């Protein structure tokens, strides 16, 4: 069986908190259209204010990492934010 080891690190350099949500691609397409969508709760971090690092084992499929700073009830931004994002992935057999 093949797995993917995925690691990401998000650092909020200035501004409000951000949410980092990892979506399977089909769920991201729903999210993008404004529909209810499910992200991987175990691989996501909400209200990141400094640095969040996650290392996750995933099944091989397409994923989308979304970093945003809006409220759950609105697509309105909470204000200006500067973040850096690093991602790495490895195939594990």
C-alpha atoms as a PDB file:
ATOM      1  CA  UNK A   1       0.000   0.000   0.000  1.00  0.00           C
ATOM      2  CA  UNK A   2       1.215   3.499  -0.847  1.00  0.00           C
ATOM      3  CA  UNK A   3       0.704   6.454   1.507  1.00  0.00           C
ATOM      4  CA  UNK A   4       1.675  10.073   1.219  1.00  0.00           C
ATOM      5  CA  UNK A   5       3.403  11.790   4.109  1.00  0.00           C
ATOM      6  CA  UNK A   6       2.396  15.459   3.905  1.00  0.00           C
ATOM      7  CA  UNK A   7       3.833  18.203   6.071  1.00  0.00           C
ATOM      8  CA  UNK A   8       2.930  21.863   6.165  1.00  0.00           C
ATOM      9  CA  UNK A   9       3.957  24.811   8.263  1.00  0.00           C
ATOM     10  CA  UNK A  10       2.052  28.095   8.405  1.00  0.00           C
ATOM     11  CA  UNK A  11       3.429  31.164  10.141  1.00  0.00           C
ATOM     12  CA  UNK A  12       1.311  34.258  10.693  1.00  0.00           C
ATOM     13  CA  UNK A  13       3.846  37.064  10.390  1.00  0.00           C
ATOM     14  CA  UNK A  14       1.381  39.887  11.009  1.00  0.00           C
ATOM     15  CA  UNK A  15      -2.348  40.388  11.278  1.00  0.00           C
ATOM     16  CA  UNK A  16      -5.246  38.332  12.548  1.00  0.00           C
ATOM     17  CA  UNK A  17      -5.509  34.581  12.895  1.00  0.00           C
ATOM     18  CA  UNK A  18      -5.985  32.267   9.900  1.00  0.00           C
ATOM     19  CA  UNK A  19      -7.615  28.901   9.362  1.00  0.00           C
ATOM     20  CA  UNK A  20      -5.654  26.182   7.545  1.00  0.00           C
ATOM     21  CA  UNK A  21      -8.020  23.570   6.126  1.00  0.00           C
ATOM     22  CA  UNK A  22      -6.982  20.521   4.119  1.00  0.00           C
ATOM     23  CA  UNK A  23      -9.728  19.464   1.700  1.00  0.00           C
ATOM     24  CA  UNK A  24      -9.948  16.422  -0.552  1.00  0.00           C
ATOM     25  CA  UNK A  25     -10.245  17.916  -4.057  1.00  0.00           C
ATOM     26  CA  UNK A  26     -13.933  17.039  -4.537  1.00  0.00           C
ATOM     27  CA  UNK A  27     -14.816  18.706  -1.218  1.00  0.00           C
ATOM     28  CA  UNK A  28     -12.735  21.758  -2.132  1.00  0.00           C
ATOM     29  CA  UNK A  29     -14.776  22.180  -5.317  1.00  0.00           C
ATOM     30  CA  UNK A  30     -17.913  22.284  -3.138  1.00  0.00           C
ATOM     31  CA  UNK A  31     -16.242  24.777  -0.773  1.00  0.00           C
ATOM     32  CA  UNK A  32     -15.194  26.953  -3.716  1.00  0.00           C
ATOM     33  CA  UNK A  33     -18.817  27.133  -4.902  1.00  0.00           C
ATOM     34  CA  UNK A  34     -19.967  28.197  -1.432  1.00  0.00           C
ATOM     35  CA  UNK A  35     -21.575  24.838  -0.645  1.00  0.00           C
ATOM     36  CA  UNK A  36     -21.199  22.893   2.569  1.00  0.00           C
ATOM     37  CA  UNK A  37     -17.936  20.963   2.411  1.00  0.00           C
ATOM     38  CA  UNK A  38     -15.949  18.742   4.752  1.00  0.00           C
ATOM     39  CA  UNK A  39     -12.262  19.293   5.389  1.00  0.00           C
ATOM     40  CA  UNK A  40      -9.910  16.846   7.103  1.00  0.00           C
ATOM     41  CA  UNK A  41     -10.361  17.857  10.754  1.00  0.00           C
ATOM     42  CA  UNK A  42      -7.272  15.988  11.935  1.00  0.00           C
ATOM     43  CA  UNK A  43      -5.039  17.644   9.343  1.00  0.00           C
ATOM     44  CA  UNK A  44      -6.417  21.170   9.687  1.00  0.00           C
ATOM     45  CA  UNK A  45      -5.756  23.940  12.191  1.00  0.00           C
ATOM     46  CA  UNK A  46      -8.183  26.746  13.001  1.00  0.00           C
ATOM     47  CA  UNK A  47      -7.390  30.176  14.430  1.00  0.00           C
ATOM     48  CA  UNK A  48      -3.634  29.979  13.915  1.00  0.00           C
ATOM     49  CA  UNK A  49      -2.017  33.069  15.441  1.00  0.00           C
ATOM     50  CA  UNK A  50       1.683  32.192  15.290  1.00  0.00           C
ATOM     51  CA  UNK A  51       3.057  28.958  13.788  1.00  0.00           C
ATOM     52  CA  UNK A  52       1.257  25.684  13.122  1.00  0.00           C
ATOM     53  CA  UNK A  53       3.008  22.607  11.762  1.00  0.00           C
ATOM     54  CA  UNK A  54       1.253  19.393  10.833  1.00  0.00           C
ATOM     55  CA  UNK A  55       2.598  16.079   9.596  1.00  0.00           C
ATOM     56  CA  UNK A  56      -0.105  13.799   8.216  1.00  0.00           C
ATOM     57  CA  UNK A  57      -0.276  10.434   6.488  1.00  0.00           C
ATOM     58  CA  UNK A  58      -2.779  10.626   3.622  1.00  0.00           C
ATOM     59  CA  UNK A  59      -4.162   8.233   1.078  1.00  0.00           C
ATOM     60  CA  UNK A  60      -2.964   9.033  -2.452  1.00  0.00           C
ATOM     61  CA  UNK A  61      -5.494  11.441  -3.984  1.00  0.00           C
ATOM     62  CA  UNK A  62      -5.673  15.168  -4.721  1.00  0.00           C
ATOM     63  CA  UNK A  63      -5.885  17.587  -1.788  1.00  0.00           C
ATOM     64  CA  UNK A  64      -6.105  21.360  -1.521  1.00  0.00           C
ATOM     65  CA  UNK A  65      -4.720  23.336   1.431  1.00  0.00           C
ATOM     66  CA  UNK A  66      -6.790  26.478   2.010  1.00  0.00           C
ATOM     67  CA  UNK A  67      -5.508  29.291   4.221  1.00  0.00           C
ATOM     68  CA  UNK A  68      -8.084  31.982   4.941  1.00  0.00           C
ATOM     69  CA  UNK A  69      -8.980  34.567   7.527  1.00  0.00           C
ATOM     70  CA  UNK A  70     -12.742  34.926   7.218  1.00  0.00           C
ATOM     71  CA  UNK A  71     -15.347  34.075   9.815  1.00  0.00           C
ATOM     72  CA  UNK A  72     -17.388  30.858   9.548  1.00  0.00           C
ATOM     73  CA  UNK A  73     -20.586  32.869   9.048  1.00  0.00           C
ATOM     74  CA  UNK A  74     -19.237  35.144   6.335  1.00  0.00           C
ATOM     75  CA  UNK A  75     -16.761  35.321   3.505  1.00  0.00           C
ATOM     76  CA  UNK A  76     -15.740  38.758   4.782  1.00  0.00           C
ATOM     77  CA  UNK A  77     -12.045  38.986   5.568  1.00  0.00           C
ATOM     78  CA  UNK A  78     -11.059  39.728   9.149  1.00  0.00           C
ATOM     79  CA  UNK A  79      -8.446  42.160   7.862  1.00  0.00           C
ATOM     80  CA  UNK A  80      -5.017  42.179   6.380  1.00  0.00           C
ATOM     81  CA  UNK A  81      -2.752  39.269   7.225  1.00  0.00           C
ATOM     82  CA  UNK A  82       0.719  38.217   6.112  1.00  0.00           C
ATOM     83  CA  UNK A  83       1.509  34.492   6.236  1.00  0.00           C
ATOM     84  CA  UNK A  84       4.233  32.184   5.005  1.00  0.00           C
ATOM     85  CA  UNK A  85       3.395  28.620   4.011  1.00  0.00           C
ATOM     86  CA  UNK A  86       5.770  25.704   3.437  1.00  0.00           C
ATOM     87  CA  UNK A  87       4.621  22.300   2.187  1.00  0.00           C
ATOM     88  CA  UNK A  88       6.432  19.023   1.637  1.00  0.00           C
ATOM     89  CA  UNK A  89       5.193  15.631   0.519  1.00  0.00           C
ATOM     90  CA  UNK A  90       6.759  12.175   0.290  1.00  0.00           C
ATOM     91  CA  UNK A  91       5.490   8.908  -1.085  1.00  0.00           C
ATOM     92  CA  UNK A  92       5.796   6.127   1.471  1.00  0.00           C
ATOM     93  CA  UNK A  93       5.618   2.507   0.307  1.00  0.00           C
END
